[in-house]
Protein backbone atom coordinates (compact mmCIF):
# COMPACT_ATOMS: atom_id res chain seq x y z
CA UNK A 1 -101.93 78.33 -12.36
CA UNK A 2 -100.67 74.95 -11.23
CA UNK A 3 -99.74 74.06 -14.82
CA UNK A 4 -97.77 77.27 -15.14
CA UNK A 5 -95.88 76.52 -11.91
CA UNK A 6 -94.98 73.00 -13.09
CA UNK A 7 -93.72 74.37 -16.39
CA UNK A 8 -91.60 76.96 -14.57
CA UNK A 9 -90.00 74.30 -12.31
CA UNK A 10 -89.30 72.12 -15.36
CA UNK A 11 -87.69 75.10 -17.15
CA UNK A 12 -85.44 75.82 -14.15
CA UNK A 13 -84.34 72.17 -13.93
CA UNK A 14 -83.48 72.13 -17.65
CA UNK A 15 -81.44 75.30 -17.27
CA UNK A 16 -79.53 73.95 -14.27
CA UNK A 17 -78.83 70.72 -16.11
CA UNK A 18 -77.50 72.64 -19.11
CA UNK A 19 -75.28 74.76 -16.90
CA UNK A 20 -73.91 71.65 -15.21
CA UNK A 21 -73.10 70.01 -18.57
CA UNK A 22 -71.48 73.21 -19.82
CA UNK A 23 -69.50 73.46 -16.62
CA UNK A 24 -68.18 69.92 -17.04
CA UNK A 25 -67.25 70.52 -20.68
CA UNK A 26 -65.56 73.76 -19.69
CA UNK A 27 -63.56 71.93 -17.01
CA UNK A 28 -62.27 69.48 -19.61
CA UNK A 29 -60.38 72.31 -21.31
CA UNK A 30 -59.70 74.47 -18.30
CA UNK A 31 -56.02 75.44 -17.93
CA UNK A 32 -54.52 77.62 -15.26
CA UNK A 33 -51.04 78.28 -13.94
CA UNK A 34 -50.82 77.85 -10.19
CA UNK A 35 -49.83 80.86 -8.20
CA UNK A 36 -46.18 80.97 -7.20
CA UNK A 37 -47.13 80.58 -3.56
CA UNK A 38 -49.53 77.70 -4.21
CA UNK A 39 -47.58 74.74 -5.60
CA UNK A 40 -49.99 71.93 -4.76
CA UNK A 41 -47.49 69.08 -5.21
CA UNK A 42 -44.58 70.63 -3.31
CA UNK A 43 -42.77 68.32 -0.93
CA UNK A 44 -40.99 64.97 -0.65
CA UNK A 45 -42.78 62.00 -2.23
CA UNK A 46 -42.07 58.32 -1.58
CA UNK A 47 -42.61 55.53 -4.15
CA UNK A 48 -45.23 53.03 -2.97
CA UNK A 49 -45.78 51.12 -6.23
CA UNK A 50 -43.85 50.72 -9.48
CA UNK A 51 -44.81 48.79 -12.63
CA UNK A 52 -43.14 48.30 -15.99
CA UNK A 53 -45.00 49.51 -19.10
CA UNK A 54 -42.63 48.13 -21.77
CA UNK A 55 -39.68 45.84 -22.36
CA UNK A 56 -37.19 46.82 -19.67
CA UNK A 57 -34.59 44.12 -20.28
CA UNK A 58 -31.92 46.84 -20.25
CA UNK A 59 -32.90 47.62 -16.69
CA UNK A 60 -34.06 50.80 -15.03
CA UNK A 61 -31.72 53.62 -16.14
CA UNK A 62 -33.15 56.07 -13.64
CA UNK A 63 -34.13 54.30 -10.42
CA UNK A 64 -35.38 56.29 -7.44
CA UNK A 65 -37.22 55.75 -4.17
CA UNK A 66 -38.16 59.38 -3.54
CA UNK A 67 -38.67 62.53 -5.58
CA UNK A 68 -38.32 66.14 -4.46
CA UNK A 69 -40.42 69.05 -5.66
CA UNK A 70 -40.02 72.72 -4.75
CA UNK A 71 -40.32 76.02 -6.63
CA UNK A 72 -36.55 75.92 -7.21
CA UNK A 73 -35.94 72.20 -7.74
CA UNK A 74 -37.50 69.08 -9.19
CA UNK A 75 -35.36 65.96 -8.73
CA UNK A 76 -36.38 62.57 -10.02
CA UNK A 77 -33.56 60.07 -9.71
CA UNK A 78 -30.62 61.30 -11.78
CA UNK A 79 -32.73 63.89 -13.58
CA UNK A 80 -33.28 67.32 -12.15
CA UNK A 81 -34.39 70.83 -13.06
CA UNK A 82 -33.13 73.85 -11.12
CA UNK A 83 -35.43 76.24 -12.96
CA UNK A 84 -38.80 74.49 -13.01
CA UNK A 85 -41.98 76.01 -14.36
CA UNK A 86 -45.34 74.57 -13.39
CA UNK A 87 -48.59 74.57 -15.33
CA UNK A 88 -51.77 72.99 -14.02
CA UNK A 89 -54.43 71.42 -16.24
CA UNK A 90 -57.75 69.86 -15.21
CA UNK A 91 -58.70 67.10 -17.66
CA UNK A 92 -60.89 64.07 -18.14
CA UNK A 93 -59.09 61.09 -16.59
CA UNK A 94 -60.05 58.66 -19.37
CA UNK A 95 -59.24 61.14 -22.18
CA UNK A 96 -55.85 61.97 -20.70
CA UNK A 97 -54.79 58.32 -20.44
CA UNK A 98 -56.21 57.54 -23.89
CA UNK A 99 -54.22 60.40 -25.48
CA UNK A 100 -51.05 59.22 -23.77
CA UNK A 101 -51.50 55.74 -25.32
CA UNK A 102 -50.11 54.05 -22.24
CA UNK A 103 -52.56 51.15 -22.12
CA UNK A 104 -53.61 52.22 -18.62
CA UNK A 105 -57.28 52.24 -17.56
CA UNK A 106 -58.66 55.17 -15.60
CA UNK A 107 -59.92 52.82 -12.88
CA UNK A 108 -56.30 51.66 -12.33
CA UNK A 109 -55.38 55.14 -11.14
CA UNK A 110 -58.44 56.79 -9.59
CA UNK A 111 -62.20 56.68 -9.47
CA UNK A 112 -62.38 60.42 -10.22
CA UNK A 113 -63.72 61.52 -13.60
CA UNK A 114 -61.42 64.55 -13.64
CA UNK A 115 -57.82 64.88 -12.50
CA UNK A 116 -55.27 67.65 -12.10
CA UNK A 117 -52.15 67.21 -14.25
CA UNK A 118 -49.16 69.35 -13.36
CA UNK A 119 -46.74 69.84 -16.25
CA UNK A 120 -43.15 70.44 -15.10
CA UNK A 121 -40.96 72.17 -17.67
CA UNK A 122 -38.46 75.00 -17.75
CA UNK A 123 -35.18 76.24 -19.12
CA UNK A 124 -33.63 72.81 -19.64
CA UNK A 125 -34.85 69.88 -21.76
CA UNK A 126 -36.38 68.33 -18.60
CA UNK A 127 -40.19 67.97 -18.76
CA UNK A 128 -42.66 65.70 -16.98
CA UNK A 129 -46.37 65.20 -16.30
CA UNK A 130 -47.35 64.59 -12.68
CA UNK A 131 -50.92 63.47 -12.01
CA UNK A 132 -52.30 64.66 -8.69
CA UNK A 133 -54.68 61.96 -7.44
CA UNK A 134 -55.19 63.59 -4.05
CA UNK A 135 -53.33 65.86 -1.65
CA UNK A 136 -51.44 62.79 -0.43
CA UNK A 137 -50.99 60.77 -3.60
CA UNK A 138 -49.53 61.36 -7.09
CA UNK A 139 -48.90 59.30 -10.21
CA UNK A 140 -46.28 59.67 -12.96
CA UNK A 141 -44.63 57.89 -15.89
CA UNK A 142 -40.84 57.88 -16.11
CA UNK A 143 -38.67 56.00 -18.65
CA UNK A 144 -41.04 53.07 -19.17
CA UNK A 145 -42.29 52.72 -15.60
CA UNK A 146 -45.46 53.91 -13.88
CA UNK A 147 -45.13 55.12 -10.30
CA UNK A 148 -47.55 55.74 -7.49
CA UNK A 149 -46.14 57.96 -4.75
CA UNK A 150 -47.44 59.18 -1.43
CA UNK A 151 -46.45 62.35 0.33
CA UNK A 152 -43.73 61.87 2.92
CA UNK A 153 -43.34 65.52 3.83
CA UNK A 154 -44.62 68.95 2.78
CA UNK A 155 -41.03 70.15 2.41
CA UNK A 156 -37.65 69.03 1.06
CA UNK A 157 -34.69 68.35 3.32
CA UNK A 158 -32.11 71.15 3.38
CA UNK A 159 -29.28 68.75 2.49
CA UNK A 160 -31.02 67.95 -0.81
CA UNK A 161 -31.30 71.65 -1.66
CA UNK A 162 -27.70 72.37 -0.58
CA UNK A 163 -26.49 69.73 -3.05
CA UNK A 164 -27.48 72.07 -5.88
CA UNK A 165 -26.67 75.37 -4.21
CA UNK A 166 -23.41 76.02 -6.07
CA UNK A 167 -24.81 74.94 -9.42
CA UNK A 168 -27.83 77.19 -8.97
CA UNK A 169 -25.60 80.08 -7.97
CA UNK A 170 -23.49 79.61 -11.09
CA UNK A 171 -26.59 79.29 -13.22
CA UNK A 172 -28.47 82.37 -12.11
CA UNK A 173 -27.37 84.30 -15.21
CA UNK A 174 -27.04 81.38 -17.58
CA UNK A 175 -29.45 80.98 -20.40
CA UNK A 176 -32.02 82.73 -18.26
CA UNK A 177 -32.36 85.36 -20.96
CA UNK A 178 -35.93 84.81 -22.08
CA UNK A 179 -35.78 87.01 -25.15
CA UNK A 180 -33.70 87.85 -28.19
CA UNK A 181 -30.00 88.41 -28.70
CA UNK A 182 -27.95 89.49 -31.68
CA UNK A 183 -24.26 89.19 -32.42
CA UNK A 184 -22.36 91.08 -35.12
CA UNK A 185 -19.10 89.47 -36.24
CA UNK A 186 -16.38 90.31 -38.73
CA UNK A 187 -14.37 87.23 -39.68
CA UNK A 188 -11.01 87.18 -41.47
CA UNK A 189 -10.12 84.01 -43.40
CA UNK A 190 -6.73 83.39 -44.99
CA UNK A 191 -5.81 80.63 -47.43
CA UNK A 192 -2.59 79.95 -49.32
CA UNK A 193 -2.59 79.32 -53.06
CA UNK A 194 -0.64 76.12 -53.64
CA UNK A 195 0.43 77.25 -57.14
CA UNK A 196 2.19 80.50 -56.27
CA UNK A 197 2.30 80.26 -52.45
CA UNK A 198 0.50 83.62 -52.14
CA UNK A 199 -1.89 84.20 -49.25
CA UNK A 200 -5.43 85.30 -50.05
CA UNK A 201 -7.17 87.27 -47.32
CA UNK A 202 -10.95 87.68 -47.21
CA UNK A 203 -13.18 89.53 -44.74
CA UNK A 204 -16.89 88.79 -44.24
CA UNK A 205 -19.59 89.96 -41.86
CA UNK A 206 -22.19 87.91 -40.03
CA UNK A 207 -25.19 88.80 -37.93
CA UNK A 208 -26.40 85.99 -35.67
CA UNK A 209 -29.96 86.43 -34.42
CA UNK A 210 -31.18 84.11 -31.68
CA UNK A 211 -34.78 84.20 -30.47
CA UNK A 212 -35.06 82.50 -27.11
CA UNK A 213 -38.47 83.94 -26.19
CA UNK A 214 -40.17 81.29 -24.07
CA UNK A 215 -36.99 79.25 -24.67
CA UNK A 216 -37.88 78.49 -28.29
CA UNK A 217 -34.15 78.39 -29.32
CA UNK A 218 -34.57 79.69 -32.88
CA UNK A 219 -31.48 81.01 -34.67
CA UNK A 220 -30.66 82.63 -38.02
CA UNK A 221 -27.47 83.81 -39.70
CA UNK A 222 -27.21 86.82 -42.02
CA UNK A 223 -24.08 87.04 -44.20
CA UNK A 224 -22.47 89.86 -46.20
CA UNK A 225 -19.29 89.89 -48.24
CA UNK A 226 -17.79 93.00 -46.63
CA UNK A 227 -16.78 94.48 -43.28
CA UNK A 228 -19.93 95.74 -41.57
CA UNK A 229 -19.35 97.75 -38.40
CA UNK A 230 -22.23 98.77 -36.09
CA UNK A 231 -21.90 102.36 -34.86
CA UNK A 232 -24.05 104.33 -32.45
CA UNK A 233 -25.06 106.96 -35.02
CA UNK A 234 -24.93 104.96 -38.25
CA UNK A 235 -23.62 101.55 -39.29
CA UNK A 236 -20.76 101.63 -41.77
CA UNK A 237 -19.46 99.34 -44.52
CA UNK A 238 -15.76 98.81 -45.20
CA UNK A 239 -13.96 96.73 -47.78
CA UNK A 240 -10.54 95.19 -48.17
CA UNK A 241 -9.28 94.72 -51.72
CA UNK A 242 -6.02 93.22 -52.78
CA UNK A 243 -4.60 92.84 -56.28
CA UNK A 244 -1.79 90.49 -57.26
CA UNK A 245 0.02 91.19 -60.54
CA UNK A 246 2.99 88.86 -60.94
CA UNK A 247 5.15 89.90 -57.96
CA UNK A 248 3.49 93.27 -57.52
CA UNK A 249 0.91 93.67 -54.80
CA UNK A 250 -1.56 96.42 -53.98
CA UNK A 251 -3.99 96.37 -51.09
CA UNK A 252 -6.63 98.86 -49.94
CA UNK A 253 -8.78 99.26 -46.88
CA UNK A 254 -11.65 101.63 -47.64
CA UNK A 255 -14.92 103.00 -46.34
CA UNK A 256 -17.95 102.54 -48.61
CA UNK A 257 -20.41 105.43 -48.86
CA UNK A 258 -23.31 103.97 -50.90
CA UNK A 259 -25.67 106.92 -50.32
CA UNK A 260 -23.41 109.68 -51.64
CA UNK A 261 -24.45 111.51 -54.82
CA UNK A 262 -20.94 111.57 -56.24
CA UNK A 263 -19.42 108.42 -57.69
CA UNK A 264 -15.90 109.50 -56.71
CA UNK A 265 -16.90 109.66 -53.05
CA UNK A 266 -18.37 106.14 -52.86
CA UNK A 267 -15.03 104.62 -51.94
CA UNK A 268 -12.89 106.43 -49.37
CA UNK A 269 -9.44 104.89 -48.93
CA UNK A 270 -8.33 104.69 -45.32
CA UNK A 271 -5.15 102.69 -45.81
CA UNK A 272 -3.24 101.50 -48.88
CA UNK A 273 0.04 99.69 -49.35
CA UNK A 274 2.19 97.98 -51.97
CA UNK A 275 3.12 95.46 -49.29
CA UNK A 276 0.74 92.80 -47.96
CA UNK A 277 -1.08 93.87 -44.80
CA UNK A 278 -4.00 92.55 -42.81
CA UNK A 279 -6.58 93.77 -40.34
CA UNK A 280 -6.28 92.20 -36.90
CA UNK A 281 -8.93 94.26 -35.10
CA UNK A 282 -11.75 96.66 -35.95
CA UNK A 283 -14.39 98.47 -33.89
CA UNK A 284 -16.55 101.55 -34.27
CA UNK A 285 -13.56 103.62 -33.08
CA UNK A 286 -10.29 102.00 -34.18
CA UNK A 287 -8.70 99.49 -36.48
CA UNK A 288 -5.36 97.72 -36.18
CA UNK A 289 -3.19 96.37 -38.99
CA UNK A 290 0.02 94.40 -39.31
CA UNK A 291 2.43 94.23 -42.23
CA UNK A 292 5.77 92.67 -43.02
CA UNK A 293 9.08 94.49 -43.04
CA UNK A 294 10.30 94.89 -46.65
CA UNK A 295 13.81 93.68 -45.72
CA UNK A 296 12.85 91.25 -42.96
CA UNK A 297 9.80 89.35 -44.16
CA UNK A 298 9.43 87.35 -40.96
CA UNK A 299 8.94 90.49 -38.90
CA UNK A 300 5.57 92.14 -38.43
CA UNK A 301 5.10 95.84 -37.88
CA UNK A 302 1.94 97.01 -36.16
CA UNK A 303 -0.22 100.15 -36.40
CA UNK A 304 -3.44 101.40 -34.81
CA UNK A 305 -5.58 104.10 -36.45
CA UNK A 306 -8.73 106.00 -35.60
CA UNK A 307 -11.44 104.70 -37.93
CA UNK A 308 -12.94 108.16 -38.46
CA UNK A 309 -9.71 109.63 -39.92
CA UNK A 310 -8.50 109.42 -43.52
CA UNK A 311 -5.47 107.53 -44.82
CA UNK A 312 -3.16 110.52 -44.34
CA UNK A 313 -3.68 110.42 -40.59
CA UNK A 314 -0.91 109.34 -38.25
CA UNK A 315 -0.98 106.05 -36.42
CA UNK A 316 -1.69 106.17 -32.71
CA UNK A 317 1.37 106.21 -30.48
CA UNK A 318 1.79 104.56 -27.10
CA UNK A 319 1.06 107.94 -25.50
CA UNK A 320 -2.16 108.35 -27.52
CA UNK A 321 -3.36 105.04 -26.16
CA UNK A 322 -2.07 105.32 -22.60
CA UNK A 323 -1.39 109.00 -21.89
CA UNK A 324 -0.07 108.33 -18.39
CA UNK A 325 2.33 105.40 -18.83
CA UNK A 326 2.42 104.51 -22.53
CA UNK A 327 5.77 106.05 -23.41
CA UNK A 328 7.49 104.70 -20.30
CA UNK A 329 6.20 101.17 -20.93
CA UNK A 330 7.59 101.14 -24.48
CA UNK A 331 10.87 102.64 -23.27
CA UNK A 332 11.17 99.88 -20.67
CA UNK A 333 10.67 97.24 -23.38
CA UNK A 334 13.41 98.79 -25.53
CA UNK A 335 15.82 99.42 -22.66
CA UNK A 336 15.47 95.86 -21.39
CA UNK A 337 16.49 94.58 -24.84
CA UNK A 338 19.39 97.05 -24.96
CA UNK A 339 20.69 95.97 -21.56
CA UNK A 340 20.78 92.38 -22.74
CA UNK A 341 22.64 93.46 -25.90
CA UNK A 342 19.81 91.95 -27.88
CA UNK A 343 18.48 95.00 -29.67
CA UNK A 344 19.52 95.74 -33.24
CA UNK A 345 19.52 99.56 -33.12
CA UNK A 346 19.52 99.99 -36.90
CA UNK A 347 16.48 97.81 -37.38
CA UNK A 348 14.24 99.29 -34.69
CA UNK A 349 13.87 102.88 -35.87
CA UNK A 350 10.06 102.61 -36.07
CA UNK A 351 10.12 102.38 -32.27
CA UNK A 352 11.38 105.97 -32.07
CA UNK A 353 7.91 107.43 -32.47
CA UNK A 354 6.31 104.63 -30.47
CA UNK A 355 3.74 103.72 -33.13
CA UNK A 356 4.80 100.12 -33.67
CA UNK A 357 1.85 98.93 -31.61
CA UNK A 358 -0.98 96.68 -32.69
CA UNK A 359 -3.98 94.85 -31.29
CA UNK A 360 -3.97 91.05 -31.34
CA UNK A 361 -6.08 88.28 -29.86
CA UNK A 362 -4.38 86.23 -27.13
CA UNK A 363 -6.14 83.54 -25.05
CA UNK A 364 -9.61 85.01 -25.52
CA UNK A 365 -8.63 88.66 -24.87
CA UNK A 366 -7.54 91.68 -26.91
CA UNK A 367 -3.98 92.75 -26.10
CA UNK A 368 -1.46 95.31 -27.33
CA UNK A 369 1.67 94.01 -29.06
CA UNK A 370 4.92 95.33 -30.47
CA UNK A 371 7.90 93.68 -32.20
CA UNK A 372 11.69 94.03 -32.03
CA UNK A 373 14.61 92.89 -34.17
CA UNK A 374 17.26 91.34 -31.98
CA UNK A 375 21.01 90.99 -32.55
CA UNK A 376 22.73 91.33 -35.90
CA UNK A 377 20.62 88.66 -37.49
CA UNK A 378 17.66 90.47 -39.08
CA UNK A 379 15.52 87.33 -38.89
CA UNK A 380 15.62 87.12 -35.09
CA UNK A 381 12.26 88.63 -34.19
CA UNK A 382 10.66 89.03 -30.80
CA UNK A 383 6.93 89.63 -30.43
CA UNK A 384 6.15 91.31 -27.11
CA UNK A 385 2.74 91.90 -25.51
CA UNK A 386 2.69 95.27 -23.75
CA UNK A 387 0.44 96.19 -20.84
CA UNK A 388 -0.92 99.55 -21.95
CA UNK A 389 -3.97 100.86 -20.10
CA UNK A 390 -6.25 102.55 -22.64
CA UNK A 391 -9.19 104.81 -21.91
CA UNK A 392 -12.19 103.04 -20.50
CA UNK A 393 -14.18 102.51 -23.70
CA UNK A 394 -11.25 101.53 -25.96
CA UNK A 395 -12.22 97.86 -25.76
CA UNK A 396 -15.76 96.81 -24.99
CA UNK A 397 -16.49 93.54 -23.21
CA UNK A 398 -12.82 92.49 -23.31
CA UNK A 399 -13.23 89.79 -20.69
CA UNK A 400 -13.96 86.10 -20.24
CA UNK A 401 -15.85 86.92 -17.06
CA UNK A 402 -15.68 84.18 -14.48
CA UNK A 403 -14.46 81.66 -17.05
CA UNK A 404 -10.81 80.72 -17.53
CA UNK A 405 -9.14 80.26 -20.89
CA UNK A 406 -7.55 76.98 -19.75
CA UNK A 407 -10.98 75.55 -18.88
CA UNK A 408 -12.50 76.61 -22.22
CA UNK A 409 -9.53 75.17 -24.08
CA UNK A 410 -9.95 71.87 -22.25
CA UNK A 411 -13.62 71.77 -23.26
CA UNK A 412 -13.05 72.34 -26.99
CA UNK A 413 -10.43 70.68 -29.18
CA UNK A 414 -8.45 72.77 -31.68
CA UNK A 415 -9.64 75.97 -30.00
CA UNK A 416 -8.58 79.20 -31.70
CA UNK A 417 -10.62 81.79 -29.82
CA UNK A 418 -13.66 82.35 -27.61
CA UNK A 419 -15.95 85.31 -26.88
CA UNK A 420 -18.28 85.50 -23.86
CA UNK A 421 -21.47 87.59 -23.99
CA UNK A 422 -21.73 90.53 -21.53
CA UNK A 423 -24.30 88.62 -19.42
CA UNK A 424 -22.03 85.55 -19.53
CA UNK A 425 -24.82 83.30 -20.79
CA UNK A 426 -23.57 82.68 -24.34
CA UNK A 427 -20.19 81.86 -25.84
CA UNK A 428 -18.78 81.97 -29.36
CA UNK A 429 -16.27 79.22 -30.05
CA UNK A 430 -13.84 79.50 -32.96
CA UNK A 431 -11.89 76.33 -33.64
CA UNK A 432 -9.94 75.12 -36.65
CA UNK A 433 -13.10 73.80 -38.32
CA UNK A 434 -16.02 76.05 -37.37
CA UNK A 435 -17.34 79.12 -35.56
CA UNK A 436 -20.38 78.35 -33.40
CA UNK A 437 -22.64 79.98 -30.81
CA UNK A 438 -23.36 77.97 -27.63
CA UNK A 439 -25.45 78.50 -24.55
CA UNK A 440 -23.39 78.22 -21.38
CA UNK A 441 -26.00 75.71 -20.18
CA UNK A 442 -25.25 73.36 -23.10
CA UNK A 443 -21.64 73.47 -24.27
CA UNK A 444 -21.99 70.33 -26.38
CA UNK A 445 -24.71 71.33 -28.82
CA UNK A 446 -24.25 74.57 -30.80
CA UNK A 447 -27.22 76.88 -31.28
CA UNK A 448 -25.84 78.30 -34.54
CA UNK A 449 -22.83 77.38 -36.67
CA UNK A 450 -21.52 79.86 -39.25
CA UNK A 451 -21.11 78.91 -42.91
CA UNK A 452 -17.54 80.26 -42.87
CA UNK A 453 -14.92 80.32 -45.61
CA UNK A 454 -12.07 77.81 -45.86
CA UNK A 455 -8.66 78.52 -44.40
CA UNK A 456 -7.42 79.94 -41.11
CA UNK A 457 -10.22 82.10 -39.76
CA UNK A 458 -10.23 84.59 -36.90
CA UNK A 459 -12.85 86.94 -35.46
CA UNK A 460 -11.67 90.55 -35.59
CA UNK A 461 -14.85 92.22 -34.35
CA UNK A 462 -17.80 91.28 -32.14
CA UNK A 463 -20.73 93.25 -30.79
CA UNK A 464 -23.68 91.89 -28.82
CA UNK A 465 -27.23 93.31 -28.82
CA UNK A 466 -30.34 92.27 -26.88
CA UNK A 467 -34.10 92.67 -26.95
CA UNK A 468 -35.72 95.02 -29.48
CA UNK A 469 -32.30 96.22 -30.63
CA UNK A 470 -31.51 92.69 -31.82
CA UNK A 471 -34.61 92.77 -34.04
CA UNK A 472 -33.99 96.30 -35.33
CA UNK A 473 -30.47 95.39 -36.41
CA UNK A 474 -31.79 92.68 -38.76
CA UNK A 475 -33.56 95.29 -40.89
CA UNK A 476 -30.44 97.47 -40.94
CA UNK A 477 -28.19 94.58 -41.92
CA UNK A 478 -30.52 93.50 -44.75
CA UNK A 479 -30.97 97.05 -46.05
CA UNK A 480 -27.28 97.97 -45.99
CA UNK A 481 -26.02 94.68 -47.43
CA UNK A 482 -28.65 93.77 -50.00
CA UNK A 483 -26.09 93.37 -52.79
CA UNK A 484 -24.16 90.52 -51.13
CA UNK A 485 -26.73 89.36 -48.55
CA UNK A 486 -27.26 85.68 -47.81
CA UNK A 487 -29.51 84.22 -45.11
CA UNK A 488 -28.96 80.83 -43.49
């Protein structure tokens, strides 16, 4: 009986020892995120010791005496993060220092076998390991120096937090979108042939897909050699064809119906002309064109059409666009020119039915425009932006939000145009050399740059999508554009 009891005690001791070893091994790999209300290193920390780890002949580029840590701010010298995320990891002290290859011995930091390492990361490129030695002492490495700090206070002074108040307020909606976005673009590029001085116009479609889930910043570009317009019921493909034959010119804008059974119905002409014309705007509801006067080549006429109608349909008038004030606004424009004896009556007959109205891009916004011939000289042309008020959904997202065109123009050289996303966290910049997508939080480094054609390029359509819709649209774009599809 005694032998059995001894064996039992020995068995229990072996089991306890095994559990303890397993527990220690488990702790080496144990990772947990601290609760939002339990940030163990929150407060103001004061440097008590600082040592160089490498050649620092260039001096300390980020000196500091204190650091500040809260749920909404981590400031270390001239580096800071207004959107910090914290992850806590319990690791072997010796293994952690060995993996970091810092040449630091565990005994130089603490006599504990295991330490808590808090990883600070977040929306910006800022990241840092902070080793918690005790509730009153921490250790960190920053730009070639090792620091020991002791807790000065459990909180951060209000003046420190106020310093970033405005920046945090402005940044609440900035690249805080932890998910996926998509952007459909139609781009018009024009180049002049040096041999015959004729202008070639080409339209292409792009779909920019940006996956920012967990801030991974992964972007792709899908390209198609056509005009691809997203619509609520079904996406549609359009084409612009132009043919030059000596001095003769023919141009067509048509809808492509690839799924029809009849070959004759695959191309539906919406607009055709023997005179050069170009698209300046297109959406799922309307398109706007401009063309030159046959007798006055320097003058542009404008037209707006419903995209669902055929080529025999009438252009929209000022009253169709702005039923309340459209006619009066155009009359005021004409009468003002008449009063100044500027208007050439014979050359402004298209104004009689108030359809000489187009849509153009001006300083980052879509605007309505008309044109007049002034005086007896047919080449004296006046382009006039008119303040029509269309129905609510005529333009979608026609705003720069809280941003000003002058500020954007100052930021980017050779700026042609800019589009702000509905959440105001992304911006498309079109300059004389490229079209690129930027995050508002980093206006220097583009997320995606389009492989655009040569020449003068302008964006004539944009539509933003988010979340699952951004993913779904990829499949639609690939399926509908498989003949000319390219992926970058």
